[in-house]
Amino acid sequence: MRVLIPRVQQAQVDVAGLTIARIEHGLLLLVGVAHDDGPADISWLVHKIVNLRLFADDAGVMNRSLLDIDGSALAVSQFTLLADVKKGNRPSWGNAAPGAISQPFFADFVAALSQKLSKNVPTGEFGADMQVSLVNDGPVTIWLDSKDYV
């Protein structure tokens, strides 16, 4: 799994002109599911995401986690994070899991994250043409790939 994580002052997802999900102060999670991901990838990523110290303490140092600040997370499935652009100019999507696999996997990721945060994690609409907007805070943006660690 790959997750691109902007720290945000706010983020929202619109589909067909309607806002379907929105958060204030927290993390936007753009999530790509690979064909060879498993439960260990979810577990590692959820633990890492909720404990990453990306928020300022009283001294202005990034020393607080999403759990510490009771922040929110917004998760959006994004298969394009698995793009392979080594050959030619057209991305290959061969590393991305097909929807029949990635959709329930993404749902399991969101459920595990919601449980760790003890709050609902809003999401985009799987497979929809979404407009994702954010106010990147900092800017702070982190890239995680579970295959680098699991």
C-alpha atoms as a PDB file:
ATOM      1  CA  MET A   1       0.000   0.000   0.000  1.00  0.00           C
ATOM      2  CA  ARG A   2       1.062   3.518  -0.700  1.00  0.00           C
ATOM      3  CA  VAL A   3      -0.302   6.502   1.156  1.00  0.00           C
ATOM      4  CA  LEU A   4       0.389  10.140   0.401  1.00  0.00           C
ATOM      5  CA  ILE A   5      -0.370  12.161   3.544  1.00  0.00           C
ATOM      6  CA  PRO A   6      -0.756  15.924   3.426  1.00  0.00           C
ATOM      7  CA  ARG A   7      -1.284  17.582   6.809  1.00  0.00           C
ATOM      8  CA  VAL A   8      -4.310  19.793   6.238  1.00  0.00           C
ATOM      9  CA  GLN A   9      -6.174  22.691   7.758  1.00  0.00           C
ATOM     10  CA  GLN A  10      -9.163  21.344   5.845  1.00  0.00           C
ATOM     11  CA  ALA A  11      -9.924  18.866   3.074  1.00  0.00           C
ATOM     12  CA  GLN A  12     -13.026  17.775   1.237  1.00  0.00           C
ATOM     13  CA  VAL A  13     -14.243  15.471  -1.498  1.00  0.00           C
ATOM     14  CA  ASP A  14     -16.902  16.488  -4.006  1.00  0.00           C
ATOM     15  CA  VAL A  15     -18.699  14.160  -6.402  1.00  0.00           C
ATOM     16  CA  ALA A  16     -21.046  15.527  -9.075  1.00  0.00           C
ATOM     17  CA  GLY A  17     -20.969  18.962  -7.438  1.00  0.00           C
ATOM     18  CA  LEU A  18     -21.903  17.697  -3.963  1.00  0.00           C
ATOM     19  CA  THR A  19     -19.571  17.582  -0.957  1.00  0.00           C
ATOM     20  CA  ILE A  20     -19.576  13.987   0.299  1.00  0.00           C
ATOM     21  CA  ALA A  21     -16.793  14.214   2.902  1.00  0.00           C
ATOM     22  CA  ARG A  22     -15.020  16.997   4.756  1.00  0.00           C
ATOM     23  CA  ILE A  23     -12.583  17.391   7.644  1.00  0.00           C
ATOM     24  CA  GLU A  24     -10.887  20.201   9.481  1.00  0.00           C
ATOM     25  CA  HIS A  25      -7.354  20.048  10.976  1.00  0.00           C
ATOM     26  CA  GLY A  26      -5.909  16.606  10.377  1.00  0.00           C
ATOM     27  CA  LEU A  27      -4.597  14.359   7.628  1.00  0.00           C
ATOM     28  CA  LEU A  28      -5.776  13.674   4.106  1.00  0.00           C
ATOM     29  CA  LEU A  29      -4.900  10.087   3.177  1.00  0.00           C
ATOM     30  CA  LEU A  30      -4.589   9.316  -0.521  1.00  0.00           C
ATOM     31  CA  VAL A  31      -4.434   5.512  -0.547  1.00  0.00           C
ATOM     32  CA  GLY A  32      -3.252   3.165  -3.280  1.00  0.00           C
ATOM     33  CA  VAL A  33      -3.733  -0.589  -2.900  1.00  0.00           C
ATOM     34  CA  ALA A  34      -1.262  -2.915  -4.621  1.00  0.00           C
ATOM     35  CA  HIS A  35      -2.146  -6.382  -5.891  1.00  0.00           C
ATOM     36  CA  ASP A  36       0.143  -8.032  -3.309  1.00  0.00           C
ATOM     37  CA  ASP A  37      -0.992  -6.118  -0.197  1.00  0.00           C
ATOM     38  CA  GLY A  38      -2.213  -8.019   2.837  1.00  0.00           C
ATOM     39  CA  PRO A  39      -3.378  -7.504   6.426  1.00  0.00           C
ATOM     40  CA  ALA A  40       0.169  -6.711   7.612  1.00  0.00           C
ATOM     41  CA  ASP A  41       0.251  -3.693   5.267  1.00  0.00           C
ATOM     42  CA  ILE A  42      -2.967  -2.325   6.790  1.00  0.00           C
ATOM     43  CA  SER A  43      -1.774  -2.906  10.337  1.00  0.00           C
ATOM     44  CA  TRP A  44       1.607  -1.253   9.795  1.00  0.00           C
ATOM     45  CA  LEU A  45       0.168   1.756   7.966  1.00  0.00           C
ATOM     46  CA  VAL A  46      -2.627   2.397  10.461  1.00  0.00           C
ATOM     47  CA  HIS A  47      -0.183   2.264  13.370  1.00  0.00           C
ATOM     48  CA  LYS A  48       2.272   4.556  11.583  1.00  0.00           C
ATOM     49  CA  ILE A  49      -0.364   7.072  10.441  1.00  0.00           C
ATOM     50  CA  VAL A  50      -2.000   7.593  13.833  1.00  0.00           C
ATOM     51  CA  ASN A  51       1.376   7.905  15.585  1.00  0.00           C
ATOM     52  CA  LEU A  52       3.329  10.069  13.117  1.00  0.00           C
ATOM     53  CA  ARG A  53       4.340  13.240  14.943  1.00  0.00           C
ATOM     54  CA  LEU A  54       3.315  15.793  12.319  1.00  0.00           C
ATOM     55  CA  PHE A  55       1.599  18.400  14.505  1.00  0.00           C
ATOM     56  CA  ALA A  56       3.241  21.173  16.508  1.00  0.00           C
ATOM     57  CA  ASP A  57       3.571  21.120  20.273  1.00  0.00           C
ATOM     58  CA  ASP A  58       3.554  24.281  22.412  1.00  0.00           C
ATOM     59  CA  ALA A  59       7.150  25.015  21.337  1.00  0.00           C
ATOM     60  CA  GLY A  60       6.231  24.814  17.660  1.00  0.00           C
ATOM     61  CA  VAL A  61       8.028  21.494  17.128  1.00  0.00           C
ATOM     62  CA  MET A  62       6.321  18.691  15.186  1.00  0.00           C
ATOM     63  CA  ASN A  63       5.962  16.491  18.232  1.00  0.00           C
ATOM     64  CA  ARG A  64       2.261  15.562  18.353  1.00  0.00           C
ATOM     65  CA  SER A  65       0.401  12.821  16.535  1.00  0.00           C
ATOM     66  CA  LEU A  66      -3.098  12.645  15.139  1.00  0.00           C
ATOM     67  CA  LEU A  67      -4.053  10.802  18.335  1.00  0.00           C
ATOM     68  CA  ASP A  68      -2.454  13.491  20.523  1.00  0.00           C
ATOM     69  CA  ILE A  69      -4.420  16.319  18.928  1.00  0.00           C
ATOM     70  CA  ASP A  70      -7.663  14.336  18.441  1.00  0.00           C
ATOM     71  CA  GLY A  71      -7.376  15.226  14.759  1.00  0.00           C
ATOM     72  CA  SER A  72      -9.397  13.924  11.853  1.00  0.00           C
ATOM     73  CA  ALA A  73      -8.484  11.831   8.840  1.00  0.00           C
ATOM     74  CA  LEU A  74     -10.118  11.752   5.402  1.00  0.00           C
ATOM     75  CA  ALA A  75      -9.288   8.689   3.272  1.00  0.00           C
ATOM     76  CA  VAL A  76      -9.508   8.650  -0.518  1.00  0.00           C
ATOM     77  CA  SER A  77      -8.770   5.594  -2.628  1.00  0.00           C
ATOM     78  CA  GLN A  78      -6.360   6.534  -5.420  1.00  0.00           C
ATOM     79  CA  PHE A  79      -5.051   3.724  -7.624  1.00  0.00           C
ATOM     80  CA  THR A  80      -2.872   6.169  -9.567  1.00  0.00           C
ATOM     81  CA  LEU A  81      -0.377   6.135  -6.669  1.00  0.00           C
ATOM     82  CA  LEU A  82       0.693   2.717  -7.972  1.00  0.00           C
ATOM     83  CA  ALA A  83       1.595   4.071 -11.418  1.00  0.00           C
ATOM     84  CA  ASP A  84       4.696   2.644 -13.055  1.00  0.00           C
ATOM     85  CA  VAL A  85       6.316   5.196 -15.353  1.00  0.00           C
ATOM     86  CA  LYS A  86       9.649   3.482 -15.999  1.00  0.00           C
ATOM     87  CA  LYS A  87       8.908   2.817 -19.675  1.00  0.00           C
ATOM     88  CA  GLY A  88       7.467   5.321 -22.099  1.00  0.00           C
ATOM     89  CA  ASN A  89       5.213   8.219 -21.215  1.00  0.00           C
ATOM     90  CA  ARG A  90       1.970   6.428 -20.468  1.00  0.00           C
ATOM     91  CA  PRO A  91       1.661   5.138 -16.885  1.00  0.00           C
ATOM     92  CA  SER A  92       1.093   1.438 -16.339  1.00  0.00           C
ATOM     93  CA  TRP A  93      -1.428   0.446 -13.674  1.00  0.00           C
ATOM     94  CA  GLY A  94      -0.253  -3.174 -13.407  1.00  0.00           C
ATOM     95  CA  ASN A  95       0.844  -2.758  -9.788  1.00  0.00           C
ATOM     96  CA  ALA A  96      -2.585  -1.574  -8.636  1.00  0.00           C
ATOM     97  CA  ALA A  97      -5.067  -4.118  -7.322  1.00  0.00           C
ATOM     98  CA  PRO A  98      -8.270  -4.388  -9.364  1.00  0.00           C
ATOM     99  CA  GLY A  99     -11.396  -2.841  -7.854  1.00  0.00           C
ATOM    100  CA  ALA A 100     -12.828  -6.193  -6.743  1.00  0.00           C
ATOM    101  CA  ILE A 101      -9.789  -6.590  -4.480  1.00  0.00           C
ATOM    102  CA  SER A 102      -8.897  -2.993  -3.632  1.00  0.00           C
ATOM    103  CA  GLN A 103     -12.388  -1.820  -2.663  1.00  0.00           C
ATOM    104  CA  PRO A 104     -12.859  -4.260   0.257  1.00  0.00           C
ATOM    105  CA  PHE A 105      -9.184  -3.853   1.184  1.00  0.00           C
ATOM    106  CA  PHE A 106      -9.589  -0.067   1.322  1.00  0.00           C
ATOM    107  CA  ALA A 107     -12.749  -0.541   3.438  1.00  0.00           C
ATOM    108  CA  ASP A 108     -10.753  -2.729   5.864  1.00  0.00           C
ATOM    109  CA  PHE A 109      -8.058  -0.038   6.055  1.00  0.00           C
ATOM    110  CA  VAL A 110     -10.666   2.643   6.850  1.00  0.00           C
ATOM    111  CA  ALA A 111     -12.327   0.413   9.468  1.00  0.00           C
ATOM    112  CA  ALA A 112      -8.980  -0.262  11.188  1.00  0.00           C
ATOM    113  CA  LEU A 113      -8.099   3.437  11.116  1.00  0.00           C
ATOM    114  CA  SER A 114     -11.522   4.402  12.515  1.00  0.00           C
ATOM    115  CA  GLN A 115     -11.063   1.925  15.341  1.00  0.00           C
ATOM    116  CA  LYS A 116      -7.590   3.269  16.231  1.00  0.00           C
ATOM    117  CA  LEU A 117      -8.831   6.862  16.176  1.00  0.00           C
ATOM    118  CA  SER A 118     -12.095   6.001  17.978  1.00  0.00           C
ATOM    119  CA  LYS A 119     -13.968   8.067  15.416  1.00  0.00           C
ATOM    120  CA  ASN A 120     -15.453   7.784  11.962  1.00  0.00           C
ATOM    121  CA  VAL A 121     -13.036   8.313   9.076  1.00  0.00           C
ATOM    122  CA  PRO A 122     -14.907   9.865   6.149  1.00  0.00           C
ATOM    123  CA  THR A 123     -13.992   8.694   2.654  1.00  0.00           C
ATOM    124  CA  GLY A 124     -14.365   9.589  -0.954  1.00  0.00           C
ATOM    125  CA  GLU A 125     -16.572   7.476  -3.211  1.00  0.00           C
ATOM    126  CA  PHE A 126     -14.712   4.451  -4.514  1.00  0.00           C
ATOM    127  CA  GLY A 127     -14.373   4.531  -8.310  1.00  0.00           C
ATOM    128  CA  ALA A 128     -16.093   7.896  -8.694  1.00  0.00           C
ATOM    129  CA  ASP A 129     -14.767  10.955 -10.489  1.00  0.00           C
ATOM    130  CA  MET A 130     -13.886  12.950  -7.384  1.00  0.00           C
ATOM    131  CA  GLN A 131     -12.682  16.484  -6.873  1.00  0.00           C
ATOM    132  CA  VAL A 132     -10.429  16.506  -3.824  1.00  0.00           C
ATOM    133  CA  SER A 133      -9.524  19.871  -2.366  1.00  0.00           C
ATOM    134  CA  LEU A 134      -7.247  20.668   0.522  1.00  0.00           C
ATOM    135  CA  VAL A 135      -5.498  23.437   2.343  1.00  0.00           C
ATOM    136  CA  ASN A 136      -2.084  21.912   2.942  1.00  0.00           C
ATOM    137  CA  ASP A 137      -0.833  22.987   6.359  1.00  0.00           C
ATOM    138  CA  GLY A 138       2.862  23.847   6.385  1.00  0.00           C
ATOM    139  CA  PRO A 139       3.078  22.474   3.750  1.00  0.00           C
ATOM    140  CA  VAL A 140       3.730  19.089   5.309  1.00  0.00           C
ATOM    141  CA  THR A 141       3.327  16.031   3.082  1.00  0.00           C
ATOM    142  CA  ILE A 142       4.590  12.528   3.892  1.00  0.00           C
ATOM    143  CA  TRP A 143       4.881   9.499   1.590  1.00  0.00           C
ATOM    144  CA  LEU A 144       4.519   5.987   3.042  1.00  0.00           C
ATOM    145  CA  ASP A 145       4.915   2.732   1.168  1.00  0.00           C
ATOM    146  CA  SER A 146       4.303  -0.337   3.319  1.00  0.00           C
ATOM    147  CA  LYS A 147       6.530  -2.419   1.016  1.00  0.00           C
ATOM    148  CA  ASP A 148       9.498  -0.409   2.248  1.00  0.00           C
ATOM    149  CA  TYR A 149       8.859  -1.603   5.830  1.00  0.00           C
ATOM    150  CA  VAL A 150       6.594  -4.673   6.021  1.00  0.00           C
END
